[in-house]
Amino acid sequence: MIKHKPGWPYRLEVTWRLLAASVGGYQVTSAACALMALAIAAVTPLTQAEAVLLATLLGFLFYALFAIWMFSSRSMLRVWSSLLLALLISAWQLLY
């Protein structure tokens, strides 16, 4: 049986998904951690340091789920549009 090597389009798609999951996931997670820390500190009786610690711990879970989501999406259009939407929402919430 002859094994076929994946072509360049497949390798390029995996590279773009890896870039979206790593760099984009980091940006979205850092913005989400900042928002979570502010929300946790405002809603719960925790101190700001404890709220930041809790948000950071939740950020690890969020980053892993975001990376899984980037690789499980069916199309590259969905990957980049969801990443752009998440970045716009988090930037808007941090500015206002």
C-alpha atoms as a PDB file:
ATOM      1  CA  MET A   1       0.000   0.000   0.000  1.00  0.00           C
ATOM      2  CA  ILE A   2       1.317   3.416  -0.968  1.00  0.00           C
ATOM      3  CA  LYS A   3       1.191   6.120   1.667  1.00  0.00           C
ATOM      4  CA  HIS A   4       0.386   9.573   0.387  1.00  0.00           C
ATOM      5  CA  LYS A   5       2.132  12.531   1.937  1.00  0.00           C
ATOM      6  CA  PRO A   6      -0.099  15.469   2.801  1.00  0.00           C
ATOM      7  CA  GLY A   7       0.216  18.282   0.305  1.00  0.00           C
ATOM      8  CA  TRP A   8       1.155  21.891   0.892  1.00  0.00           C
ATOM      9  CA  PRO A   9      -2.425  23.150   1.260  1.00  0.00           C
ATOM     10  CA  TYR A  10      -3.002  20.823   4.212  1.00  0.00           C
ATOM     11  CA  ARG A  11       0.302  21.772   5.827  1.00  0.00           C
ATOM     12  CA  LEU A  12      -0.423  25.455   5.318  1.00  0.00           C
ATOM     13  CA  GLU A  13      -3.856  25.058   6.905  1.00  0.00           C
ATOM     14  CA  VAL A  14      -2.359  23.326   9.948  1.00  0.00           C
ATOM     15  CA  THR A  15       0.230  26.109  10.215  1.00  0.00           C
ATOM     16  CA  TRP A  16      -2.464  28.798  10.144  1.00  0.00           C
ATOM     17  CA  ARG A  17      -4.530  26.933  12.721  1.00  0.00           C
ATOM     18  CA  LEU A  18      -1.472  26.624  14.944  1.00  0.00           C
ATOM     19  CA  LEU A  19      -0.816  30.347  14.595  1.00  0.00           C
ATOM     20  CA  ALA A  20      -4.455  31.160  15.366  1.00  0.00           C
ATOM     21  CA  ALA A  21      -4.502  28.846  18.373  1.00  0.00           C
ATOM     22  CA  SER A  22      -1.205  29.990  19.860  1.00  0.00           C
ATOM     23  CA  VAL A  23      -0.958  33.722  19.157  1.00  0.00           C
ATOM     24  CA  GLY A  24      -4.652  34.484  18.858  1.00  0.00           C
ATOM     25  CA  GLY A  25      -5.491  32.258  21.791  1.00  0.00           C
ATOM     26  CA  TYR A  26      -2.939  34.061  23.920  1.00  0.00           C
ATOM     27  CA  GLN A  27      -4.405  37.455  23.051  1.00  0.00           C
ATOM     28  CA  VAL A  28      -7.989  36.381  23.669  1.00  0.00           C
ATOM     29  CA  THR A  29      -7.070  34.604  26.904  1.00  0.00           C
ATOM     30  CA  SER A  30      -5.147  37.562  28.287  1.00  0.00           C
ATOM     31  CA  ALA A  31      -8.068  39.886  27.589  1.00  0.00           C
ATOM     32  CA  ALA A  32     -10.513  37.378  29.062  1.00  0.00           C
ATOM     33  CA  CYS A  33      -8.364  37.024  32.194  1.00  0.00           C
ATOM     34  CA  ALA A  34      -8.364  40.777  32.686  1.00  0.00           C
ATOM     35  CA  LEU A  35     -12.131  40.924  32.305  1.00  0.00           C
ATOM     36  CA  MET A  36     -12.650  37.921  34.574  1.00  0.00           C
ATOM     37  CA  ALA A  37     -10.436  39.445  37.260  1.00  0.00           C
ATOM     38  CA  LEU A  38     -12.424  42.679  37.204  1.00  0.00           C
ATOM     39  CA  ALA A  39     -15.745  40.832  37.272  1.00  0.00           C
ATOM     40  CA  ILE A  40     -14.698  38.435  40.036  1.00  0.00           C
ATOM     41  CA  ALA A  41     -13.399  41.270  42.193  1.00  0.00           C
ATOM     42  CA  ALA A  42     -16.624  43.230  41.705  1.00  0.00           C
ATOM     43  CA  VAL A  43     -19.040  40.353  42.348  1.00  0.00           C
ATOM     44  CA  THR A  44     -17.371  38.234  45.039  1.00  0.00           C
ATOM     45  CA  PRO A  45     -15.908  39.182  48.414  1.00  0.00           C
ATOM     46  CA  LEU A  46     -12.419  38.159  47.226  1.00  0.00           C
ATOM     47  CA  THR A  47      -9.536  40.611  47.297  1.00  0.00           C
ATOM     48  CA  GLN A  48      -8.088  41.851  44.023  1.00  0.00           C
ATOM     49  CA  ALA A  49      -5.074  39.553  44.337  1.00  0.00           C
ATOM     50  CA  GLU A  50      -7.294  36.514  44.856  1.00  0.00           C
ATOM     51  CA  ALA A  51      -9.512  37.549  41.941  1.00  0.00           C
ATOM     52  CA  VAL A  52      -6.481  37.845  39.664  1.00  0.00           C
ATOM     53  CA  LEU A  53      -5.227  34.439  40.806  1.00  0.00           C
ATOM     54  CA  LEU A  54      -8.601  32.821  40.172  1.00  0.00           C
ATOM     55  CA  ALA A  55      -8.887  34.488  36.754  1.00  0.00           C
ATOM     56  CA  THR A  56      -5.401  33.286  35.839  1.00  0.00           C
ATOM     57  CA  LEU A  57      -6.236  29.717  36.812  1.00  0.00           C
ATOM     58  CA  LEU A  58      -9.429  29.885  34.753  1.00  0.00           C
ATOM     59  CA  GLY A  59      -7.354  31.344  31.917  1.00  0.00           C
ATOM     60  CA  PHE A  60      -5.371  28.113  31.587  1.00  0.00           C
ATOM     61  CA  LEU A  61      -8.611  26.220  31.037  1.00  0.00           C
ATOM     62  CA  PHE A  62      -9.883  28.888  28.653  1.00  0.00           C
ATOM     63  CA  TYR A  63      -6.666  28.778  26.591  1.00  0.00           C
ATOM     64  CA  ALA A  64      -6.794  25.001  26.263  1.00  0.00           C
ATOM     65  CA  LEU A  65     -10.449  25.064  25.218  1.00  0.00           C
ATOM     66  CA  PHE A  66      -9.746  27.854  22.733  1.00  0.00           C
ATOM     67  CA  ALA A  67      -6.908  25.848  21.130  1.00  0.00           C
ATOM     68  CA  ILE A  68      -9.137  22.780  20.865  1.00  0.00           C
ATOM     69  CA  TRP A  69     -11.838  24.922  19.292  1.00  0.00           C
ATOM     70  CA  MET A  70      -9.412  26.304  16.698  1.00  0.00           C
ATOM     71  CA  PHE A  71      -8.396  22.814  15.592  1.00  0.00           C
ATOM     72  CA  SER A  72     -11.895  21.334  15.663  1.00  0.00           C
ATOM     73  CA  SER A  73     -13.491  23.983  13.444  1.00  0.00           C
ATOM     74  CA  ARG A  74     -14.425  22.757  10.009  1.00  0.00           C
ATOM     75  CA  SER A  75     -13.237  25.693   7.942  1.00  0.00           C
ATOM     76  CA  MET A  76     -10.515  28.308   8.103  1.00  0.00           C
ATOM     77  CA  LEU A  77     -13.118  31.026   7.603  1.00  0.00           C
ATOM     78  CA  ARG A  78     -14.810  29.954  10.829  1.00  0.00           C
ATOM     79  CA  VAL A  79     -11.451  29.862  12.646  1.00  0.00           C
ATOM     80  CA  TRP A  80     -10.413  33.367  11.667  1.00  0.00           C
ATOM     81  CA  SER A  81     -13.878  34.907  11.952  1.00  0.00           C
ATOM     82  CA  SER A  82     -14.376  33.521  15.458  1.00  0.00           C
ATOM     83  CA  LEU A  83     -10.896  34.689  16.449  1.00  0.00           C
ATOM     84  CA  LEU A  84     -11.542  38.167  15.064  1.00  0.00           C
ATOM     85  CA  LEU A  85     -14.924  38.345  16.777  1.00  0.00           C
ATOM     86  CA  ALA A  86     -13.451  37.280  20.121  1.00  0.00           C
ATOM     87  CA  LEU A  87     -10.652  39.839  19.809  1.00  0.00           C
ATOM     88  CA  LEU A  88     -13.070  42.639  18.921  1.00  0.00           C
ATOM     89  CA  ILE A  89     -15.397  41.822  21.812  1.00  0.00           C
ATOM     90  CA  SER A  90     -12.584  41.619  24.330  1.00  0.00           C
ATOM     91  CA  ALA A  91     -10.947  44.835  23.069  1.00  0.00           C
ATOM     92  CA  TRP A  92     -14.288  46.673  23.168  1.00  0.00           C
ATOM     93  CA  GLN A  93     -14.961  45.527  26.736  1.00  0.00           C
ATOM     94  CA  LEU A  94     -11.498  46.520  27.897  1.00  0.00           C
ATOM     95  CA  LEU A  95     -11.810  49.992  26.377  1.00  0.00           C
ATOM     96  CA  TYR A  96     -15.271  50.750  27.767  1.00  0.00           C
END
